[in-house]
Amino acid sequence: MDQPVTTISADSGFQRNMGYKVELGDGTATVTLELEERHLNRSGIAHGGTLMALFDAAMGYACVNDFEERGYRGLVTVSMTTNFIGRAAEGTVRVEAQQAGGGRKLVFCDARAYDDEGSLIATATGTFRRFTKPTGES
């Protein structure tokens, strides 16, 4: 059974500035970015900070699929570990994230980044803290 996918392309100033797109599934998120010169380091490959920002976005989105029914209003990154394996210099970078577990306040996520050819270029794990709405807030 196919799950519905929601696409988000201009959710925040940061997302508009970076230029990535987000597709949401059930406990999953895929972030894609067409690399431009502004995303590259001095060596002409995707800057580590660019990849880490994509990981942070993808994992955060993967962790918010049940916000409404559970009364959450926000999410912050507690920690993120990134492992750089390969590199991308052009084309599209794709980050796939999946919620890996968690409880009422903390949630855990895993993600992988791929280049245009589908080669793995980095992995990440993250821990995120959910915030709930105060009583009576809409």
C-alpha atoms as a PDB file:
ATOM      1  CA  MET A   1       0.000   0.000   0.000  1.00  0.00           C
ATOM      2  CA  ASP A   2       1.448   3.357  -1.007  1.00  0.00           C
ATOM      3  CA  GLN A   3       1.588   5.980   1.678  1.00  0.00           C
ATOM      4  CA  PRO A   4       0.567   9.571   0.956  1.00  0.00           C
ATOM      5  CA  VAL A   5       3.443  11.985   0.400  1.00  0.00           C
ATOM      6  CA  THR A   6       3.359  15.679   1.238  1.00  0.00           C
ATOM      7  CA  THR A   7       5.826  17.957  -0.565  1.00  0.00           C
ATOM      8  CA  ILE A   8       7.130  21.095   1.176  1.00  0.00           C
ATOM      9  CA  SER A   9       9.171  23.593  -0.854  1.00  0.00           C
ATOM     10  CA  ALA A  10       9.180  26.937   1.014  1.00  0.00           C
ATOM     11  CA  ASP A  11       8.381  26.258   4.667  1.00  0.00           C
ATOM     12  CA  SER A  12      10.945  28.627   6.192  1.00  0.00           C
ATOM     13  CA  GLY A  13      13.435  31.336   5.319  1.00  0.00           C
ATOM     14  CA  PHE A  14      16.255  28.842   5.825  1.00  0.00           C
ATOM     15  CA  GLN A  15      14.657  26.354   3.444  1.00  0.00           C
ATOM     16  CA  ARG A  16      14.110  29.050   0.824  1.00  0.00           C
ATOM     17  CA  ASN A  17      17.724  30.223   1.238  1.00  0.00           C
ATOM     18  CA  MET A  18      19.183  26.715   0.926  1.00  0.00           C
ATOM     19  CA  GLY A  19      16.784  25.727  -1.869  1.00  0.00           C
ATOM     20  CA  TYR A  20      15.895  22.200  -0.741  1.00  0.00           C
ATOM     21  CA  LYS A  21      12.570  20.398  -1.114  1.00  0.00           C
ATOM     22  CA  VAL A  22      10.988  18.018   1.395  1.00  0.00           C
ATOM     23  CA  GLU A  23       8.737  15.018   0.870  1.00  0.00           C
ATOM     24  CA  LEU A  24       7.039  13.602   3.955  1.00  0.00           C
ATOM     25  CA  GLY A  25       5.843  10.049   4.511  1.00  0.00           C
ATOM     26  CA  ASP A  26       4.779   8.181   7.635  1.00  0.00           C
ATOM     27  CA  GLY A  27       7.785   8.611   9.936  1.00  0.00           C
ATOM     28  CA  THR A  28      10.005   9.353   6.951  1.00  0.00           C
ATOM     29  CA  ALA A  29      11.237  12.379   5.055  1.00  0.00           C
ATOM     30  CA  THR A  30      13.262  12.848   1.889  1.00  0.00           C
ATOM     31  CA  VAL A  31      15.110  16.109   1.300  1.00  0.00           C
ATOM     32  CA  THR A  32      16.547  16.931  -2.123  1.00  0.00           C
ATOM     33  CA  LEU A  33      18.872  19.745  -3.103  1.00  0.00           C
ATOM     34  CA  GLU A  34      20.168  20.676  -6.530  1.00  0.00           C
ATOM     35  CA  LEU A  35      23.771  21.651  -5.776  1.00  0.00           C
ATOM     36  CA  GLU A  36      24.792  25.183  -6.728  1.00  0.00           C
ATOM     37  CA  GLU A  37      28.088  27.039  -6.273  1.00  0.00           C
ATOM     38  CA  ARG A  38      26.818  28.475  -2.960  1.00  0.00           C
ATOM     39  CA  HIS A  39      26.565  24.929  -1.498  1.00  0.00           C
ATOM     40  CA  LEU A  40      30.186  24.004  -2.287  1.00  0.00           C
ATOM     41  CA  ASN A  41      33.422  24.354  -0.338  1.00  0.00           C
ATOM     42  CA  ARG A  42      36.776  25.633  -1.645  1.00  0.00           C
ATOM     43  CA  SER A  43      37.483  22.209  -3.174  1.00  0.00           C
ATOM     44  CA  GLY A  44      34.313  22.411  -5.276  1.00  0.00           C
ATOM     45  CA  ILE A  45      32.400  19.668  -3.446  1.00  0.00           C
ATOM     46  CA  ALA A  46      29.314  19.881  -1.232  1.00  0.00           C
ATOM     47  CA  HIS A  47      30.272  21.647   1.997  1.00  0.00           C
ATOM     48  CA  GLY A  48      29.952  19.486   5.105  1.00  0.00           C
ATOM     49  CA  GLY A  49      27.708  22.145   6.617  1.00  0.00           C
ATOM     50  CA  THR A  50      25.399  21.879   3.612  1.00  0.00           C
ATOM     51  CA  LEU A  51      25.035  18.131   4.131  1.00  0.00           C
ATOM     52  CA  MET A  52      24.567  18.536   7.884  1.00  0.00           C
ATOM     53  CA  ALA A  53      21.816  21.112   7.307  1.00  0.00           C
ATOM     54  CA  LEU A  54      20.063  18.674   4.956  1.00  0.00           C
ATOM     55  CA  PHE A  55      20.394  15.881   7.518  1.00  0.00           C
ATOM     56  CA  ASP A  56      19.014  18.107  10.269  1.00  0.00           C
ATOM     57  CA  ALA A  57      16.039  19.112   8.123  1.00  0.00           C
ATOM     58  CA  ALA A  58      15.265  15.580   6.904  1.00  0.00           C
ATOM     59  CA  MET A  59      15.497  13.983  10.337  1.00  0.00           C
ATOM     60  CA  GLY A  60      13.509  16.779  11.956  1.00  0.00           C
ATOM     61  CA  TYR A  61      10.722  16.410   9.407  1.00  0.00           C
ATOM     62  CA  ALA A  62      10.707  12.619   9.831  1.00  0.00           C
ATOM     63  CA  CYS A  63      10.064  13.166  13.543  1.00  0.00           C
ATOM     64  CA  VAL A  64       7.076  15.533  13.236  1.00  0.00           C
ATOM     65  CA  ASN A  65       4.541  13.386  11.395  1.00  0.00           C
ATOM     66  CA  ASP A  66       2.339  12.976  14.487  1.00  0.00           C
ATOM     67  CA  PHE A  67       2.554  16.529  15.860  1.00  0.00           C
ATOM     68  CA  GLU A  68      -1.098  17.478  15.534  1.00  0.00           C
ATOM     69  CA  GLU A  69      -2.690  14.467  17.187  1.00  0.00           C
ATOM     70  CA  ARG A  70      -0.153  14.432  20.023  1.00  0.00           C
ATOM     71  CA  GLY A  71      -0.261  18.197  20.698  1.00  0.00           C
ATOM     72  CA  TYR A  72       3.347  19.048  19.805  1.00  0.00           C
ATOM     73  CA  ARG A  73       4.333  22.542  18.749  1.00  0.00           C
ATOM     74  CA  GLY A  74       8.047  22.311  18.164  1.00  0.00           C
ATOM     75  CA  LEU A  75      11.165  20.218  17.798  1.00  0.00           C
ATOM     76  CA  VAL A  76      14.830  20.969  18.454  1.00  0.00           C
ATOM     77  CA  THR A  77      17.966  19.011  17.713  1.00  0.00           C
ATOM     78  CA  VAL A  78      19.650  17.633  20.826  1.00  0.00           C
ATOM     79  CA  SER A  79      22.516  15.892  19.043  1.00  0.00           C
ATOM     80  CA  MET A  80      23.545  14.792  15.586  1.00  0.00           C
ATOM     81  CA  THR A  81      26.404  12.551  14.498  1.00  0.00           C
ATOM     82  CA  THR A  82      27.493  12.688  10.865  1.00  0.00           C
ATOM     83  CA  ASN A  83      29.833  10.373   8.974  1.00  0.00           C
ATOM     84  CA  PHE A  84      31.194  11.580   5.630  1.00  0.00           C
ATOM     85  CA  ILE A  85      31.882   8.691   3.266  1.00  0.00           C
ATOM     86  CA  GLY A  86      31.959  10.139  -0.249  1.00  0.00           C
ATOM     87  CA  ARG A  87      31.432  13.441  -1.996  1.00  0.00           C
ATOM     88  CA  ALA A  88      29.157  15.228  -4.424  1.00  0.00           C
ATOM     89  CA  ALA A  89      30.197  18.161  -6.599  1.00  0.00           C
ATOM     90  CA  GLU A  90      27.191  18.603  -8.865  1.00  0.00           C
ATOM     91  CA  GLY A  91      23.699  17.337  -9.484  1.00  0.00           C
ATOM     92  CA  THR A  92      21.145  16.514  -6.821  1.00  0.00           C
ATOM     93  CA  VAL A  93      21.846  15.383  -3.273  1.00  0.00           C
ATOM     94  CA  ARG A  94      19.099  13.224  -1.754  1.00  0.00           C
ATOM     95  CA  VAL A  95      18.783  12.646   1.997  1.00  0.00           C
ATOM     96  CA  GLU A  96      16.436   9.920   3.234  1.00  0.00           C
ATOM     97  CA  ALA A  97      15.513   9.957   6.925  1.00  0.00           C
ATOM     98  CA  GLN A  98      13.489   7.547   9.016  1.00  0.00           C
ATOM     99  CA  GLN A  99      12.301   7.820  12.592  1.00  0.00           C
ATOM    100  CA  ALA A 100      14.045   5.062  14.556  1.00  0.00           C
ATOM    101  CA  GLY A 101      12.219   5.256  17.896  1.00  0.00           C
ATOM    102  CA  GLY A 102      11.729   7.419  20.901  1.00  0.00           C
ATOM    103  CA  GLY A 103       9.261   8.338  23.573  1.00  0.00           C
ATOM    104  CA  ARG A 104       7.119  11.238  24.667  1.00  0.00           C
ATOM    105  CA  LYS A 105       9.888  13.885  24.671  1.00  0.00           C
ATOM    106  CA  LEU A 106      12.872  12.445  22.784  1.00  0.00           C
ATOM    107  CA  VAL A 107      12.809  10.873  19.341  1.00  0.00           C
ATOM    108  CA  PHE A 108      15.626   9.231  17.379  1.00  0.00           C
ATOM    109  CA  CYS A 109      16.275   9.242  13.653  1.00  0.00           C
ATOM    110  CA  ASP A 110      18.654   7.771  11.072  1.00  0.00           C
ATOM    111  CA  ALA A 111      19.490   9.245   7.663  1.00  0.00           C
ATOM    112  CA  ARG A 112      21.574   8.596   4.569  1.00  0.00           C
ATOM    113  CA  ALA A 113      22.709  11.001   1.838  1.00  0.00           C
ATOM    114  CA  TYR A 114      23.163   9.966  -1.784  1.00  0.00           C
ATOM    115  CA  ASP A 115      24.607  11.656  -4.855  1.00  0.00           C
ATOM    116  CA  ASP A 116      23.017  11.811  -8.319  1.00  0.00           C
ATOM    117  CA  GLU A 117      24.216   8.304  -9.149  1.00  0.00           C
ATOM    118  CA  GLY A 118      22.790   6.790  -5.960  1.00  0.00           C
ATOM    119  CA  SER A 119      26.158   6.412  -4.242  1.00  0.00           C
ATOM    120  CA  LEU A 120      26.186   6.825  -0.472  1.00  0.00           C
ATOM    121  CA  ILE A 121      28.046   9.998   0.494  1.00  0.00           C
ATOM    122  CA  ALA A 122      27.211  10.376   4.215  1.00  0.00           C
ATOM    123  CA  THR A 123      25.176   9.001   7.109  1.00  0.00           C
ATOM    124  CA  ALA A 124      23.756  10.618  10.219  1.00  0.00           C
ATOM    125  CA  THR A 125      21.907   9.820  13.414  1.00  0.00           C
ATOM    126  CA  GLY A 126      20.050  12.370  15.478  1.00  0.00           C
ATOM    127  CA  THR A 127      18.219  12.881  18.741  1.00  0.00           C
ATOM    128  CA  PHE A 128      15.427  15.458  18.840  1.00  0.00           C
ATOM    129  CA  ARG A 129      13.366  16.919  21.683  1.00  0.00           C
ATOM    130  CA  ARG A 130       9.681  17.562  21.187  1.00  0.00           C
ATOM    131  CA  PHE A 131       7.857  20.446  22.847  1.00  0.00           C
ATOM    132  CA  THR A 132       4.177  20.288  23.731  1.00  0.00           C
ATOM    133  CA  LYS A 133       1.572  23.051  23.715  1.00  0.00           C
ATOM    134  CA  PRO A 134       0.812  24.559  27.124  1.00  0.00           C
ATOM    135  CA  THR A 135      -2.685  23.770  28.409  1.00  0.00           C
ATOM    136  CA  GLY A 136      -5.296  26.018  26.774  1.00  0.00           C
ATOM    137  CA  GLU A 137      -3.059  27.122  23.866  1.00  0.00           C
ATOM    138  CA  SER A 138      -4.437  26.601  20.378  1.00  0.00           C
END
